[in-house]
């Protein structure tokens, strides 16, 4: 009896990702850019999608440069966020590599 409960829990944990993947498998990408969608539209679109789904829309508020209070809302799908983050990381690497050797003061 004591061995059955852990086995059932393990089976449920393995089945959950498969069920979640099937839940949004037939979902199409959003018809308009997520940043142009209202929060209500985004909530309706995300209904039933797991947060790890490639088309799940996530929004972030970022401070506008030069303002102490104004924030811009940026929304992308998980798929697009991966691309944006990868591009930002690549830009940072390129900048760091370009600066190597130039910061040395030669007399």
PDB file of N, CA and C in Angstrom:
ATOM      1  N   UNK A   1       0.819  -1.188   0.000  1.00  0.00           N
ATOM      2  CA  UNK A   1       0.000   0.000   0.000  1.00  0.00           C
ATOM      3  C   UNK A   1       0.865   1.254   0.000  1.00  0.00           C
ATOM      4  N   UNK A   2       1.970   1.242   0.749  1.00  0.00           N
ATOM      5  CA  UNK A   2       2.845   2.406   0.833  1.00  0.00           C
ATOM      6  C   UNK A   2       3.572   2.673  -0.484  1.00  0.00           C
ATOM      7  N   UNK A   3       3.708   1.665  -1.325  1.00  0.00           N
ATOM      8  CA  UNK A   3       4.412   1.831  -2.591  1.00  0.00           C
ATOM      9  C   UNK A   3       3.498   2.332  -3.703  1.00  0.00           C
ATOM     10  N   UNK A   4       2.213   2.210  -3.532  1.00  0.00           N
ATOM     11  CA  UNK A   4       1.256   2.603  -4.569  1.00  0.00           C
ATOM     12  C   UNK A   4       1.136   4.115  -4.676  1.00  0.00           C
ATOM     13  N   UNK A   5       1.077   4.804  -3.547  1.00  0.00           N
ATOM     14  CA  UNK A   5       0.908   6.256  -3.560  1.00  0.00           C
ATOM     15  C   UNK A   5       2.053   6.973  -4.293  1.00  0.00           C
ATOM     16  N   UNK A   6       3.337   6.686  -3.988  1.00  0.00           N
ATOM     17  CA  UNK A   6       4.403   7.353  -4.748  1.00  0.00           C
ATOM     18  C   UNK A   6       4.353   7.024  -6.241  1.00  0.00           C
ATOM     19  N   UNK A   7       3.950   5.820  -6.584  1.00  0.00           N
ATOM     20  CA  UNK A   7       3.852   5.448  -7.995  1.00  0.00           C
ATOM     21  C   UNK A   7       2.754   6.257  -8.691  1.00  0.00           C
ATOM     22  N   UNK A   8       1.619   6.451  -8.010  1.00  0.00           N
ATOM     23  CA  UNK A   8       0.538   7.251  -8.587  1.00  0.00           C
ATOM     24  C   UNK A   8       0.952   8.714  -8.746  1.00  0.00           C
ATOM     25  N   UNK A   9       1.660   9.250  -7.768  1.00  0.00           N
ATOM     26  CA  UNK A   9       2.127  10.636  -7.848  1.00  0.00           C
ATOM     27  C   UNK A   9       3.103  10.787  -9.008  1.00  0.00           C
ATOM     28  N   UNK A  10       4.031   9.845  -9.145  1.00  0.00           N
ATOM     29  CA  UNK A  10       4.998   9.892 -10.236  1.00  0.00           C
ATOM     30  C   UNK A  10       4.298   9.806 -11.593  1.00  0.00           C
ATOM     31  N   UNK A  11       3.310   8.935 -11.712  1.00  0.00           N
ATOM     32  CA  UNK A  11       2.576   8.800 -12.972  1.00  0.00           C
ATOM     33  C   UNK A  11       1.836  10.085 -13.308  1.00  0.00           C
ATOM     34  N   UNK A  12       1.262  10.732 -12.297  1.00  0.00           N
ATOM     35  CA  UNK A  12       0.542  11.988 -12.533  1.00  0.00           C
ATOM     36  C   UNK A  12       1.495  13.090 -12.977  1.00  0.00           C
ATOM     37  N   UNK A  13       2.679  13.133 -12.377  1.00  0.00           N
ATOM     38  CA  UNK A  13       3.659  14.158 -12.759  1.00  0.00           C
ATOM     39  C   UNK A  13       4.156  13.959 -14.189  1.00  0.00           C
ATOM     40  N   UNK A  14       4.338  12.712 -14.605  1.00  0.00           N
ATOM     41  CA  UNK A  14       4.787  12.460 -15.970  1.00  0.00           C
ATOM     42  C   UNK A  14       3.690  12.721 -16.986  1.00  0.00           C
ATOM     43  N   UNK A  15       2.443  12.517 -16.611  1.00  0.00           N
ATOM     44  CA  UNK A  15       1.321  12.718 -17.527  1.00  0.00           C
ATOM     45  C   UNK A  15       0.957  14.190 -17.668  1.00  0.00           C
ATOM     46  N   UNK A  16       1.228  15.022 -16.661  1.00  0.00           N
ATOM     47  CA  UNK A  16       0.834  16.431 -16.684  1.00  0.00           C
ATOM     48  C   UNK A  16       1.468  17.207 -17.840  1.00  0.00           C
ATOM     49  N   UNK A  17       2.783  17.097 -18.092  1.00  0.00           N
ATOM     50  CA  UNK A  17       3.347  17.849 -19.220  1.00  0.00           C
ATOM     51  C   UNK A  17       2.754  17.419 -20.562  1.00  0.00           C
ATOM     52  N   UNK A  18       2.475  16.128 -20.729  1.00  0.00           N
ATOM     53  CA  UNK A  18       1.888  15.667 -21.987  1.00  0.00           C
ATOM     54  C   UNK A  18       0.493  16.243 -22.169  1.00  0.00           C
ATOM     55  N   UNK A  19      -0.290  16.285 -21.100  1.00  0.00           N
ATOM     56  CA  UNK A  19      -1.631  16.857 -21.181  1.00  0.00           C
ATOM     57  C   UNK A  19      -1.546  18.349 -21.480  1.00  0.00           C
ATOM     58  N   UNK A  20      -0.621  19.050 -20.820  1.00  0.00           N
ATOM     59  CA  UNK A  20      -0.471  20.495 -21.035  1.00  0.00           C
ATOM     60  C   UNK A  20      -0.045  20.777 -22.473  1.00  0.00           C
ATOM     61  N   UNK A  21       0.816  19.940 -23.029  1.00  0.00           N
ATOM     62  CA  UNK A  21       1.261  20.155 -24.405  1.00  0.00           C
ATOM     63  C   UNK A  21       0.108  19.945 -25.380  1.00  0.00           C
ATOM     64  N   UNK A  22      -0.755  18.973 -25.091  1.00  0.00           N
ATOM     65  CA  UNK A  22      -1.893  18.717 -25.965  1.00  0.00           C
ATOM     66  C   UNK A  22      -2.937  19.826 -25.871  1.00  0.00           C
ATOM     67  N   UNK A  23      -3.024  20.482 -24.718  1.00  0.00           N
ATOM     68  CA  UNK A  23      -4.055  21.496 -24.504  1.00  0.00           C
ATOM     69  C   UNK A  23      -3.931  22.649 -25.492  1.00  0.00           C
ATOM     70  N   UNK A  24      -2.712  23.069 -25.834  1.00  0.00           N
ATOM     71  CA  UNK A  24      -2.535  24.192 -26.746  1.00  0.00           C
ATOM     72  C   UNK A  24      -1.871  23.809 -28.043  1.00  0.00           C
ATOM     73  N   UNK A  25      -1.836  22.502 -28.348  1.00  0.00           N
ATOM     74  CA  UNK A  25      -1.127  22.036 -29.535  1.00  0.00           C
ATOM     75  C   UNK A  25      -1.730  22.590 -30.824  1.00  0.00           C
ATOM     76  N   UNK A  26      -3.040  22.806 -30.856  1.00  0.00           N
ATOM     77  CA  UNK A  26      -3.679  23.269 -32.081  1.00  0.00           C
ATOM     78  C   UNK A  26      -3.853  24.784 -32.115  1.00  0.00           C
ATOM     79  N   UNK A  27      -3.294  25.502 -31.155  1.00  0.00           N
ATOM     80  CA  UNK A  27      -3.445  26.960 -31.059  1.00  0.00           C
ATOM     81  C   UNK A  27      -2.560  27.637 -32.102  1.00  0.00           C
ATOM     82  N   UNK A  28      -3.122  28.598 -32.793  1.00  0.00           N
ATOM     83  CA  UNK A  28      -2.382  29.373 -33.788  1.00  0.00           C
ATOM     84  C   UNK A  28      -1.730  30.574 -33.105  1.00  0.00           C
ATOM     85  N   UNK A  29      -0.666  31.123 -33.687  1.00  0.00           N
ATOM     86  CA  UNK A  29      -0.075  32.330 -33.100  1.00  0.00           C
ATOM     87  C   UNK A  29      -1.080  33.478 -33.135  1.00  0.00           C
ATOM     88  N   UNK A  30      -0.880  34.495 -32.297  1.00  0.00           N
ATOM     89  CA  UNK A  30      -1.831  35.611 -32.270  1.00  0.00           C
ATOM     90  C   UNK A  30      -1.922  36.290 -33.635  1.00  0.00           C
ATOM     91  N   UNK A  31      -3.130  36.764 -33.967  1.00  0.00           N
ATOM     92  CA  UNK A  31      -3.364  37.366 -35.279  1.00  0.00           C
ATOM     93  C   UNK A  31      -2.774  38.763 -35.394  1.00  0.00           C
ATOM     94  N   UNK A  32      -2.618  39.471 -34.265  1.00  0.00           N
ATOM     95  CA  UNK A  32      -1.990  40.788 -34.298  1.00  0.00           C
ATOM     96  C   UNK A  32      -0.875  40.837 -33.270  1.00  0.00           C
ATOM     97  N   UNK A  33       0.030  41.799 -33.378  1.00  0.00           N
ATOM     98  CA  UNK A  33       1.151  41.851 -32.431  1.00  0.00           C
ATOM     99  C   UNK A  33       0.656  41.931 -30.988  1.00  0.00           C
ATOM    100  N   UNK A  34       1.250  41.147 -30.093  1.00  0.00           N
ATOM    101  CA  UNK A  34       0.794  41.147 -28.700  1.00  0.00           C
ATOM    102  C   UNK A  34       0.847  42.525 -28.031  1.00  0.00           C
ATOM    103  N   UNK A  35       1.798  43.368 -28.376  1.00  0.00           N
ATOM    104  CA  UNK A  35       1.871  44.694 -27.761  1.00  0.00           C
ATOM    105  C   UNK A  35       0.702  45.575 -28.177  1.00  0.00           C
ATOM    106  N   UNK A  36       0.047  45.239 -29.282  1.00  0.00           N
ATOM    107  CA  UNK A  36      -1.113  46.004 -29.741  1.00  0.00           C
ATOM    108  C   UNK A  36      -2.412  45.473 -29.145  1.00  0.00           C
ATOM    109  N   UNK A  37      -2.341  44.344 -28.452  1.00  0.00           N
ATOM    110  CA  UNK A  37      -3.535  43.747 -27.857  1.00  0.00           C
ATOM    111  C   UNK A  37      -3.803  44.379 -26.489  1.00  0.00           C
ATOM    112  N   UNK A  38      -5.061  44.435 -26.111  1.00  0.00           N
ATOM    113  CA  UNK A  38      -5.428  44.924 -24.779  1.00  0.00           C
ATOM    114  C   UNK A  38      -5.196  43.798 -23.771  1.00  0.00           C
ATOM    115  N   UNK A  39      -5.057  44.144 -22.496  1.00  0.00           N
ATOM    116  CA  UNK A  39      -4.896  43.086 -21.492  1.00  0.00           C
ATOM    117  C   UNK A  39      -6.041  42.069 -21.496  1.00  0.00           C
ATOM    118  N   UNK A  40      -7.246  42.501 -21.790  1.00  0.00           N
ATOM    119  CA  UNK A  40      -8.387  41.590 -21.855  1.00  0.00           C
ATOM    120  C   UNK A  40      -8.230  40.607 -23.016  1.00  0.00           C
ATOM    121  N   UNK A  41      -7.774  41.102 -24.170  1.00  0.00           N
ATOM    122  CA  UNK A  41      -7.549  40.227 -25.324  1.00  0.00           C
ATOM    123  C   UNK A  41      -6.445  39.212 -25.034  1.00  0.00           C
ATOM    124  N   UNK A  42      -5.389  39.669 -24.359  1.00  0.00           N
ATOM    125  CA  UNK A  42      -4.277  38.769 -24.028  1.00  0.00           C
ATOM    126  C   UNK A  42      -4.753  37.688 -23.068  1.00  0.00           C
ATOM    127  N   UNK A  43      -5.526  38.078 -22.075  1.00  0.00           N
ATOM    128  CA  UNK A  43      -6.038  37.108 -21.105  1.00  0.00           C
ATOM    129  C   UNK A  43      -6.925  36.074 -21.803  1.00  0.00           C
ATOM    130  N   UNK A  44      -7.775  36.534 -22.727  1.00  0.00           N
ATOM    131  CA  UNK A  44      -8.646  35.621 -23.468  1.00  0.00           C
ATOM    132  C   UNK A  44      -7.823  34.689 -24.360  1.00  0.00           C
ATOM    133  N   UNK A  45      -6.773  35.211 -24.985  1.00  0.00           N
ATOM    134  CA  UNK A  45      -5.925  34.387 -25.849  1.00  0.00           C
ATOM    135  C   UNK A  45      -5.180  33.333 -25.035  1.00  0.00           C
ATOM    136  N   UNK A  46      -4.675  33.721 -23.859  1.00  0.00           N
ATOM    137  CA  UNK A  46      -3.895  32.801 -23.024  1.00  0.00           C
ATOM    138  C   UNK A  46      -4.747  31.767 -22.304  1.00  0.00           C
ATOM    139  N   UNK A  47      -6.064  31.936 -22.310  1.00  0.00           N
ATOM    140  CA  UNK A  47      -6.961  31.013 -21.613  1.00  0.00           C
ATOM    141  C   UNK A  47      -6.745  29.586 -22.116  1.00  0.00           C
ATOM    142  N   UNK A  48      -6.399  28.693 -21.201  1.00  0.00           N
ATOM    143  CA  UNK A  48      -6.216  27.286 -21.541  1.00  0.00           C
ATOM    144  C   UNK A  48      -4.829  26.925 -22.011  1.00  0.00           C
ATOM    145  N   UNK A  49      -3.957  27.900 -22.211  1.00  0.00           N
ATOM    146  CA  UNK A  49      -2.585  27.613 -22.625  1.00  0.00           C
ATOM    147  C   UNK A  49      -1.692  27.493 -21.390  1.00  0.00           C
ATOM    148  N   UNK A  50      -0.806  26.506 -21.365  1.00  0.00           N
ATOM    149  CA  UNK A  50       0.152  26.466 -20.263  1.00  0.00           C
ATOM    150  C   UNK A  50       1.164  27.609 -20.418  1.00  0.00           C
ATOM    151  N   UNK A  51       1.707  28.098 -19.322  1.00  0.00           N
ATOM    152  CA  UNK A  51       2.629  29.233 -19.366  1.00  0.00           C
ATOM    153  C   UNK A  51       3.914  28.925 -20.111  1.00  0.00           C
ATOM    154  N   UNK A  52       4.197  27.652 -20.351  1.00  0.00           N
ATOM    155  CA  UNK A  52       5.411  27.273 -21.065  1.00  0.00           C
ATOM    156  C   UNK A  52       5.185  27.097 -22.565  1.00  0.00           C
ATOM    157  N   UNK A  53       3.950  27.264 -23.031  1.00  0.00           N
ATOM    158  CA  UNK A  53       3.630  27.108 -24.447  1.00  0.00           C
ATOM    159  C   UNK A  53       4.326  28.199 -25.263  1.00  0.00           C
ATOM    160  N   UNK A  54       4.840  27.884 -26.463  1.00  0.00           N
ATOM    161  CA  UNK A  54       5.549  28.897 -27.265  1.00  0.00           C
ATOM    162  C   UNK A  54       4.703  30.112 -27.634  1.00  0.00           C
ATOM    163  N   UNK A  55       3.374  29.968 -27.726  1.00  0.00           N
ATOM    164  CA  UNK A  55       2.523  31.099 -28.115  1.00  0.00           C
ATOM    165  C   UNK A  55       1.887  31.812 -26.925  1.00  0.00           C
ATOM    166  N   UNK A  56       2.203  31.395 -25.696  1.00  0.00           N
ATOM    167  CA  UNK A  56       1.687  32.065 -24.509  1.00  0.00           C
ATOM    168  C   UNK A  56       2.266  33.476 -24.473  1.00  0.00           C
ATOM    169  N   UNK A  57       1.423  34.468 -24.260  1.00  0.00           N
ATOM    170  CA  UNK A  57       1.854  35.870 -24.295  1.00  0.00           C
ATOM    171  C   UNK A  57       2.193  36.341 -22.884  1.00  0.00           C
ATOM    172  N   UNK A  58       3.387  36.924 -22.751  1.00  0.00           N
ATOM    173  CA  UNK A  58       3.826  37.512 -21.487  1.00  0.00           C
ATOM    174  C   UNK A  58       4.126  38.984 -21.720  1.00  0.00           C
ATOM    175  N   UNK A  59       3.741  39.804 -20.758  1.00  0.00           N
ATOM    176  CA  UNK A  59       3.984  41.249 -20.842  1.00  0.00           C
ATOM    177  C   UNK A  59       4.913  41.676 -19.719  1.00  0.00           C
ATOM    178  N   UNK A  60       5.732  42.659 -20.032  1.00  0.00           N
ATOM    179  CA  UNK A  60       6.615  43.257 -19.025  1.00  0.00           C
ATOM    180  C   UNK A  60       6.498  44.763 -19.139  1.00  0.00           C
ATOM    181  N   UNK A  61       6.552  45.416 -17.990  1.00  0.00           N
ATOM    182  CA  UNK A  61       6.558  46.878 -17.975  1.00  0.00           C
ATOM    183  C   UNK A  61       7.989  47.329 -17.762  1.00  0.00           C
ATOM    184  N   UNK A  62       8.455  48.208 -18.642  1.00  0.00           N
ATOM    185  CA  UNK A  62       9.823  48.701 -18.567  1.00  0.00           C
ATOM    186  C   UNK A  62       9.800  50.213 -18.444  1.00  0.00           C
ATOM    187  N   UNK A  63      10.676  50.726 -17.594  1.00  0.00           N
ATOM    188  CA  UNK A  63      10.767  52.168 -17.413  1.00  0.00           C
ATOM    189  C   UNK A  63      11.240  52.832 -18.697  1.00  0.00           C
ATOM    190  N   UNK A  64      10.626  53.953 -19.016  1.00  0.00           N
ATOM    191  CA  UNK A  64      11.052  54.716 -20.174  1.00  0.00           C
ATOM    192  C   UNK A  64      12.268  55.549 -19.772  1.00  0.00           C
ATOM    193  N   UNK A  65      13.286  55.513 -20.597  1.00  0.00           N
ATOM    194  CA  UNK A  65      14.514  56.248 -20.295  1.00  0.00           C
ATOM    195  C   UNK A  65      14.213  57.742 -20.293  1.00  0.00           C
ATOM    196  N   UNK A  66      14.663  58.427 -19.245  1.00  0.00           N
ATOM    197  CA  UNK A  66      14.450  59.857 -19.119  1.00  0.00           C
ATOM    198  C   UNK A  66      13.230  60.224 -18.309  1.00  0.00           C
ATOM    199  N   UNK A  67      12.470  59.224 -17.875  1.00  0.00           N
ATOM    200  CA  UNK A  67      11.277  59.489 -17.081  1.00  0.00           C
ATOM    201  C   UNK A  67      11.365  58.720 -15.769  1.00  0.00           C
ATOM    202  N   UNK A  68      10.867  59.334 -14.719  1.00  0.00           N
ATOM    203  CA  UNK A  68      10.874  58.659 -13.424  1.00  0.00           C
ATOM    204  C   UNK A  68       9.621  57.814 -13.205  1.00  0.00           C
ATOM    205  N   UNK A  69       8.564  58.070 -13.954  1.00  0.00           N
ATOM    206  CA  UNK A  69       7.311  57.366 -13.705  1.00  0.00           C
ATOM    207  C   UNK A  69       6.738  56.640 -14.919  1.00  0.00           C
ATOM    208  N   UNK A  70       7.019  57.069 -16.127  1.00  0.00           N
ATOM    209  CA  UNK A  70       6.403  56.469 -17.309  1.00  0.00           C
ATOM    210  C   UNK A  70       6.994  55.092 -17.590  1.00  0.00           C
ATOM    211  N   UNK A  71       6.100  54.152 -17.855  1.00  0.00           N
ATOM    212  CA  UNK A  71       6.511  52.785 -18.172  1.00  0.00           C
ATOM    213  C   UNK A  71       5.884  52.367 -19.492  1.00  0.00           C
ATOM    214  N   UNK A  72       6.622  51.600 -20.249  1.00  0.00           N
ATOM    215  CA  UNK A  72       6.114  51.050 -21.493  1.00  0.00           C
ATOM    216  C   UNK A  72       5.795  49.585 -21.287  1.00  0.00           C
ATOM    217  N   UNK A  73       4.653  49.146 -21.790  1.00  0.00           N
ATOM    218  CA  UNK A  73       4.264  47.741 -21.709  1.00  0.00           C
ATOM    219  C   UNK A  73       4.737  47.055 -22.977  1.00  0.00           C
ATOM    220  N   UNK A  74       5.540  46.012 -22.813  1.00  0.00           N
ATOM    221  CA  UNK A  74       6.048  45.242 -23.943  1.00  0.00           C
ATOM    222  C   UNK A  74       5.538  43.823 -23.811  1.00  0.00           C
ATOM    223  N   UNK A  75       4.849  43.352 -24.839  1.00  0.00           N
ATOM    224  CA  UNK A  75       4.277  42.006 -24.818  1.00  0.00           C
ATOM    225  C   UNK A  75       4.793  41.207 -26.018  1.00  0.00           C
ATOM    226  N   UNK A  76       5.202  39.997 -25.761  1.00  0.00           N
ATOM    227  CA  UNK A  76       5.628  39.064 -26.799  1.00  0.00           C
ATOM    228  C   UNK A  76       5.174  37.662 -26.416  1.00  0.00           C
ATOM    229  N   UNK A  77       5.218  36.753 -27.379  1.00  0.00           N
ATOM    230  CA  UNK A  77       5.001  35.344 -27.086  1.00  0.00           C
ATOM    231  C   UNK A  77       6.291  34.793 -26.481  1.00  0.00           C
ATOM    232  N   UNK A  78       6.214  33.641 -25.823  1.00  0.00           N
ATOM    233  CA  UNK A  78       7.418  33.016 -25.262  1.00  0.00           C
ATOM    234  C   UNK A  78       8.473  32.803 -26.339  1.00  0.00           C
ATOM    235  N   UNK A  79       8.021  32.414 -27.512  1.00  0.00           N
ATOM    236  CA  UNK A  79       8.920  32.169 -28.640  1.00  0.00           C
ATOM    237  C   UNK A  79       9.692  33.444 -29.001  1.00  0.00           C
ATOM    238  N   UNK A  80       8.982  34.569 -29.082  1.00  0.00           N
ATOM    239  CA  UNK A  80       9.605  35.848 -29.432  1.00  0.00           C
ATOM    240  C   UNK A  80      10.491  36.360 -28.300  1.00  0.00           C
ATOM    241  N   UNK A  81      10.085  36.138 -27.016  1.00  0.00           N
ATOM    242  CA  UNK A  81      10.915  36.558 -25.889  1.00  0.00           C
ATOM    243  C   UNK A  81      12.271  35.866 -25.954  1.00  0.00           C
ATOM    244  N   UNK A  82      12.294  34.574 -26.321  1.00  0.00           N
ATOM    245  CA  UNK A  82      13.573  33.862 -26.443  1.00  0.00           C
ATOM    246  C   UNK A  82      14.460  34.539 -27.475  1.00  0.00           C
ATOM    247  N   UNK A  83      13.874  34.922 -28.613  1.00  0.00           N
ATOM    248  CA  UNK A  83      14.638  35.598 -29.669  1.00  0.00           C
ATOM    249  C   UNK A  83      15.159  36.953 -29.190  1.00  0.00           C
ATOM    250  N   UNK A  84      14.306  37.731 -28.526  1.00  0.00           N
ATOM    251  CA  UNK A  84      14.684  39.066 -28.044  1.00  0.00           C
ATOM    252  C   UNK A  84      15.812  38.963 -27.025  1.00  0.00           C
ATOM    253  N   UNK A  85      15.703  38.014 -26.106  1.00  0.00           N
ATOM    254  CA  UNK A  85      16.733  37.842 -25.076  1.00  0.00           C
ATOM    255  C   UNK A  85      18.046  37.386 -25.712  1.00  0.00           C
ATOM    256  N   UNK A  86      17.959  36.446 -26.653  1.00  0.00           N
ATOM    257  CA  UNK A  86      19.177  35.964 -27.322  1.00  0.00           C
ATOM    258  C   UNK A  86      19.858  37.100 -28.091  1.00  0.00           C
ATOM    259  N   UNK A  87      19.075  37.940 -28.766  1.00  0.00           N
ATOM    260  CA  UNK A  87      19.643  39.064 -29.510  1.00  0.00           C
ATOM    261  C   UNK A  87      20.287  40.075 -28.563  1.00  0.00           C
ATOM    262  N   UNK A  88      19.650  40.347 -27.437  1.00  0.00           N
ATOM    263  CA  UNK A  88      20.219  41.262 -26.451  1.00  0.00           C
ATOM    264  C   UNK A  88      21.529  40.736 -25.884  1.00  0.00           C
ATOM    265  N   UNK A  89      21.571  39.433 -25.609  1.00  0.00           N
ATOM    266  CA  UNK A  89      22.806  38.828 -25.116  1.00  0.00           C
ATOM    267  C   UNK A  89      23.913  38.900 -26.160  1.00  0.00           C
ATOM    268  N   UNK A  90      23.555  38.657 -27.417  1.00  0.00           N
ATOM    269  CA  UNK A  90      24.555  38.727 -28.486  1.00  0.00           C
ATOM    270  C   UNK A  90      25.072  40.149 -28.642  1.00  0.00           C
ATOM    271  N   UNK A  91      24.199  41.139 -28.553  1.00  0.00           N
ATOM    272  CA  UNK A  91      24.628  42.540 -28.635  1.00  0.00           C
ATOM    273  C   UNK A  91      25.587  42.881 -27.496  1.00  0.00           C
ATOM    274  N   UNK A  92      25.302  42.394 -26.302  1.00  0.00           N
ATOM    275  CA  UNK A  92      26.178  42.650 -25.156  1.00  0.00           C
ATOM    276  C   UNK A  92      27.541  41.995 -25.358  1.00  0.00           C
ATOM    277  N   UNK A  93      27.549  40.745 -25.882  1.00  0.00           N
ATOM    278  CA  UNK A  93      28.821  40.080 -26.158  1.00  0.00           C
ATOM    279  C   UNK A  93      29.624  40.830 -27.212  1.00  0.00           C
ATOM    280  N   UNK A  94      28.953  41.265 -28.272  1.00  0.00           N
ATOM    281  CA  UNK A  94      29.638  42.006 -29.339  1.00  0.00           C
ATOM    282  C   UNK A  94      30.237  43.303 -28.811  1.00  0.00           C
ATOM    283  N   UNK A  95      29.494  44.000 -27.963  1.00  0.00           N
ATOM    284  CA  UNK A  95      29.989  45.254 -27.386  1.00  0.00           C
ATOM    285  C   UNK A  95      31.184  44.993 -26.485  1.00  0.00           C
ATOM    286  N   UNK A  96      31.110  43.953 -25.649  1.00  0.00           N
ATOM    287  CA  UNK A  96      32.220  43.630 -24.752  1.00  0.00           C
ATOM    288  C   UNK A  96      33.470  43.252 -25.546  1.00  0.00           C
ATOM    289  N   UNK A  97      33.301  42.471 -26.616  1.00  0.00           N
ATOM    290  CA  UNK A  97      34.441  42.086 -27.443  1.00  0.00           C
ATOM    291  C   UNK A  97      35.033  43.289 -28.161  1.00  0.00           C
ATOM    292  N   UNK A  98      34.209  44.230 -28.578  1.00  0.00           N
ATOM    293  CA  UNK A  98      34.697  45.415 -29.273  1.00  0.00           C
ATOM    294  C   UNK A  98      35.492  46.317 -28.337  1.00  0.00           C
ATOM    295  N   UNK A  99      35.167  46.270 -27.054  1.00  0.00           N
ATOM    296  CA  UNK A  99      35.841  47.130 -26.083  1.00  0.00           C
ATOM    297  C   UNK A  99      37.139  46.534 -25.552  1.00  0.00           C
ATOM    298  N   UNK A 100      37.360  45.255 -25.761  1.00  0.00           N
ATOM    299  CA  UNK A 100      38.576  44.611 -25.266  1.00  0.00           C
ATOM    300  C   UNK A 100      39.783  45.256 -25.952  1.00  0.00           C
ATOM    301  N   UNK A 101      40.718  45.677 -25.178  1.00  0.00           N
ATOM    302  CA  UNK A 101      41.930  46.284 -25.713  1.00  0.00           C
ATOM    303  C   UNK A 101      41.826  47.780 -25.917  1.00  0.00           C
ATOM    304  N   UNK A 102      40.640  48.314 -26.016  1.00  0.00           N
ATOM    305  CA  UNK A 102      40.471  49.753 -26.235  1.00  0.00           C
ATOM    306  C   UNK A 102      40.446  50.510 -24.917  1.00  0.00           C
ATOM    307  N   UNK A 103      40.199  49.801 -23.821  1.00  0.00           N
ATOM    308  CA  UNK A 103      40.128  50.470 -22.527  1.00  0.00           C
ATOM    309  C   UNK A 103      41.513  50.639 -21.896  1.00  0.00           C
ATOM    310  N   UNK A 104      42.524  50.037 -22.511  1.00  0.00           N
ATOM    311  CA  UNK A 104      43.875  50.128 -21.975  1.00  0.00           C
ATOM    312  C   UNK A 104      44.471  51.485 -22.333  1.00  0.00           C
ATOM    313  N   UNK A 105      45.039  52.152 -21.357  1.00  0.00           N
ATOM    314  CA  UNK A 105      45.655  53.459 -21.571  1.00  0.00           C
ATOM    315  C   UNK A 105      47.097  53.248 -21.985  1.00  0.00           C
ATOM    316  N   UNK A 106      47.416  53.544 -23.208  1.00  0.00           N
ATOM    317  CA  UNK A 106      48.797  53.364 -23.687  1.00  0.00           C
ATOM    318  C   UNK A 106      49.533  54.693 -23.648  1.00  0.00           C
ATOM    319  N   UNK A 107      50.701  54.674 -23.052  1.00  0.00           N
ATOM    320  CA  UNK A 107      51.516  55.890 -22.933  1.00  0.00           C
ATOM    321  C   UNK A 107      52.713  55.824 -23.819  1.00  0.00           C
TER     322      UNK A 107
END
